[in-house]
Protein backbone atom coordinates (compact mmCIF):
# COMPACT_ATOMS: atom_id res chain seq x y z
CA MET A 1 11.77 78.83 51.16
CA THR A 2 10.28 77.09 54.70
CA ALA A 3 11.99 74.89 57.25
CA PRO A 4 9.43 72.89 59.08
CA GLY A 5 10.78 69.96 59.91
CA SER A 6 14.06 69.12 62.07
CA VAL A 7 16.45 66.34 62.92
CA GLY A 8 19.38 65.56 65.10
CA ALA A 9 22.82 66.81 63.67
CA ASP A 10 24.18 63.09 63.74
CA GLU A 11 20.66 61.53 62.60
CA ARG A 12 20.64 59.34 59.02
CA LEU A 13 17.07 60.78 56.92
CA ARG A 14 15.44 58.97 54.63
CA LEU A 15 15.28 61.67 52.07
CA PHE A 16 13.01 62.29 48.50
CA CYS A 17 12.65 65.05 47.01
CA GLY A 18 8.93 65.77 44.96
CA LEU A 19 6.29 68.23 43.84
CA ARG A 20 3.55 69.90 46.05
CA LEU A 21 0.08 70.14 45.21
CA PRO A 22 -1.87 73.06 45.35
CA ASP A 23 -4.55 72.73 48.04
CA ALA A 24 -7.39 72.97 45.87
CA ALA A 25 -6.02 69.89 44.04
CA VAL A 26 -5.23 68.15 47.50
CA ALA A 27 -8.92 68.63 48.35
CA ARG A 28 -10.16 67.34 45.15
CA LEU A 29 -7.97 64.25 45.55
CA THR A 30 -8.86 63.40 48.93
CA ALA A 31 -12.66 63.94 48.04
CA TRP A 32 -12.23 61.14 45.26
CA GLN A 33 -10.20 59.43 47.29
CA ALA A 34 -13.28 58.42 49.84
CA GLU A 35 -15.17 58.27 47.37
CA HIS A 36 -13.73 55.85 44.57
CA LEU A 37 -10.82 53.91 46.93
CA ARG A 38 -11.96 51.07 48.99
CA GLY A 39 -9.79 48.47 50.09
CA GLY A 40 -6.94 49.46 51.21
CA ARG A 41 -4.72 52.97 53.36
CA ILE A 42 -6.13 55.91 51.88
CA VAL A 43 -2.38 58.55 51.46
CA PRO A 44 -3.49 61.12 53.65
CA PRO A 45 -4.15 64.79 52.37
CA ALA A 46 -0.63 66.02 53.88
CA ASN A 47 1.24 62.88 52.00
CA LEU A 48 0.02 63.65 48.80
CA HIS A 49 3.31 64.78 46.18
CA VAL A 50 5.00 64.00 43.25
CA THR A 51 8.14 62.27 43.42
CA LEU A 52 11.08 63.64 41.78
CA ALA A 53 14.04 61.50 43.14
CA PHE A 54 13.83 59.13 46.08
CA LEU A 55 17.15 58.95 48.40
CA GLY A 56 16.67 56.45 50.33
CA HIS A 57 18.74 56.89 53.98
CA ARG A 58 21.53 59.61 53.70
CA PRO A 59 23.09 61.18 56.58
CA ARG A 60 22.03 63.93 57.84
CA GLY A 61 25.22 65.92 56.77
CA GLU A 62 24.36 65.56 53.35
CA LEU A 63 21.11 67.34 53.44
CA GLU A 64 22.30 71.34 53.39
CA ALA A 65 23.66 69.94 49.35
CA ILE A 66 20.68 68.00 48.67
CA VAL A 67 18.49 71.46 49.72
CA ASP A 68 21.35 72.97 47.16
CA ALA A 69 20.76 70.72 44.85
CA LEU A 70 16.78 71.40 44.52
CA ARG A 71 16.90 74.90 45.04
CA GLY A 72 19.14 75.24 42.12
CA ALA A 73 17.23 73.27 39.26
CA ALA A 74 13.68 74.60 41.06
CA SER A 75 15.22 77.71 40.10
CA GLY A 76 15.14 77.39 36.56
CA ALA A 77 12.15 75.42 35.91
CA ASP A 78 9.22 76.39 33.66
CA ALA A 79 5.86 75.92 34.41
CA ILE A 80 4.57 72.86 35.42
CA GLU A 81 1.06 71.55 34.56
CA LEU A 82 0.39 67.88 34.99
CA GLU A 83 -3.02 65.95 33.97
CA ALA A 84 -4.53 62.95 35.39
CA ASP A 85 -4.06 60.30 32.57
CA ARG A 86 -4.84 57.02 34.23
CA TYR A 87 -5.64 55.03 37.49
CA ARG A 88 -2.76 52.17 37.95
CA GLU A 89 -2.11 49.79 40.13
CA GLY A 90 1.39 48.03 41.12
CA ARG A 91 2.39 45.33 43.46
CA SER A 92 1.18 47.59 46.63
CA VAL A 93 0.07 50.96 45.63
CA GLY A 94 -2.56 52.81 43.41
CA MET A 95 -1.47 56.14 41.49
CA LEU A 96 -2.71 58.19 39.32
CA VAL A 97 -0.20 58.74 36.60
CA PHE A 98 0.14 62.53 34.94
CA ARG A 99 0.94 63.42 31.41
CA ASP A 100 3.05 66.37 31.46
CA VAL A 101 1.56 68.62 28.95
CA SER A 102 4.71 70.59 28.67
CA GLY A 103 7.70 68.42 29.74
CA ALA A 104 8.73 70.51 32.64
CA ALA A 105 8.05 68.20 35.03
CA THR A 106 10.32 65.67 33.26
CA ARG A 107 12.91 68.22 32.78
CA LEU A 108 13.18 69.09 35.90
CA ALA A 109 13.23 65.58 37.65
CA ASP A 110 15.80 64.78 35.13
CA ASP A 111 17.63 68.49 36.58
CA VAL A 112 17.32 67.38 40.37
CA GLN A 113 18.29 63.76 39.28
CA GLY A 114 21.64 64.70 37.48
CA ARG A 115 22.84 67.03 40.31
CA LEU A 116 22.05 64.83 42.72
CA GLU A 117 24.18 62.32 41.08
CA THR A 118 27.11 64.68 40.68
CA LEU A 119 26.85 64.97 44.27
CA GLY A 120 26.94 61.53 44.93
CA VAL A 121 23.74 60.32 47.05
CA TYR A 122 21.54 59.38 44.40
CA ARG A 123 21.52 56.53 41.57
CA ARG A 124 19.08 57.38 38.57
CA GLU A 125 16.62 54.26 37.89
CA ALA A 126 16.47 52.01 34.74
CA ARG A 127 13.41 53.15 34.00
CA ALA A 128 12.51 56.63 32.80
CA TRP A 129 11.07 58.53 35.08
CA LEU A 130 7.29 58.61 35.76
CA PRO A 131 5.14 61.34 37.28
CA HIS A 132 2.57 59.79 39.35
CA LEU A 133 1.15 60.51 42.25
CA THR A 134 0.13 57.85 45.67
CA VAL A 135 -3.24 57.40 46.26
CA VAL A 136 -3.68 54.38 48.10
CA ARG A 137 -2.28 51.70 50.01
CA PHE A 138 -2.53 48.07 49.82
CA ARG A 139 -1.22 44.63 50.85
CA GLU A 140 -3.83 42.86 48.42
CA ARG A 141 -4.15 44.32 45.26
CA PRO A 142 -8.02 45.25 45.04
CA ARG A 143 -8.34 46.05 41.21
CA LEU A 144 -10.16 48.93 41.34
CA ARG A 145 -11.38 50.88 38.45
CA PRO A 146 -12.22 54.46 39.61
CA PRO A 147 -13.23 57.39 37.27
CA LEU A 148 -10.29 59.98 37.21
CA PRO A 149 -10.45 63.00 39.72
CA SER A 150 -11.54 65.77 38.25
CA LEU A 151 -8.58 68.11 38.88
CA GLY A 152 -8.30 70.28 35.56
CA ARG A 153 -4.41 70.83 35.13
CA VAL A 154 -2.68 70.60 38.23
CA ARG A 155 0.01 73.88 38.68
CA PRO A 156 2.73 73.30 41.50
CA SER A 157 4.42 75.83 42.71
CA GLU A 158 6.92 74.31 44.90
CA ALA A 159 8.78 71.76 45.48
CA ALA A 160 10.62 70.34 48.48
CA ALA A 161 13.32 67.62 50.37
CA PHE A 162 10.83 65.78 52.56
CA LEU A 163 11.77 63.39 55.56
CA SER A 164 9.96 59.97 55.30
CA ARG A 165 9.14 58.33 58.82
CA LEU A 166 8.01 54.70 58.67
CA ARG A 167 5.25 54.16 61.13
CA PRO A 168 3.14 51.76 61.76
CA GLY A 169 0.30 53.06 60.78
CA GLY A 170 2.08 53.75 57.64
CA ALA A 171 4.52 56.70 56.48
CA GLU A 172 4.68 60.49 57.89
CA TYR A 173 6.18 62.94 55.23
CA VAL A 174 7.70 65.88 57.40
CA VAL A 175 8.83 68.82 54.58
CA LEU A 176 12.32 70.02 55.70
CA GLU A 177 12.54 72.54 53.05
CA SER A 178 9.88 73.85 50.59
CA VAL A 179 11.61 75.98 47.19
CA ARG A 180 9.91 78.07 44.70
CA LEU A 181 9.40 76.97 41.13
CA GLY A 182 11.33 79.22 38.98
CA GLY A 183 8.28 79.30 35.93
CA THR A 184 5.50 79.93 38.49
């Protein structure tokens, strides 16, 4: 576990839990973004992740219990393998949707979300969890049709609790705690 981020004791934090990507995958994604994603604001390498659960603003005092829930789910996680399946645009973002090869990422997301619900700090969305990676943000949909990046199978080995700080130039994500996945 690492703790590179720090926050004040009485602060409300904008939090989410996500999968950290291996450096090699981030490097390939960054090159692909530069070549194929025009017409928007590219998500910087440090912000590339697969969200497991977005919690929104939470009191600082809940952070340790949230990290404990993430740690508990991560410790029992099977090895995760993700494959880029398609590019998709929403109202304000472009994303890579992944195929969860063995279902391990979906099981981890379900476990994390269940533990966070039990703590009373999270409520699941009505739609099913979708393993995806936001790669570009935009005000007006550019309707891009990029080829898929050559990533092979992406094998995350860590999950993290992230702090999201909204900035004029885009969100800044800070890893508050990082935990190893049990199956890696």
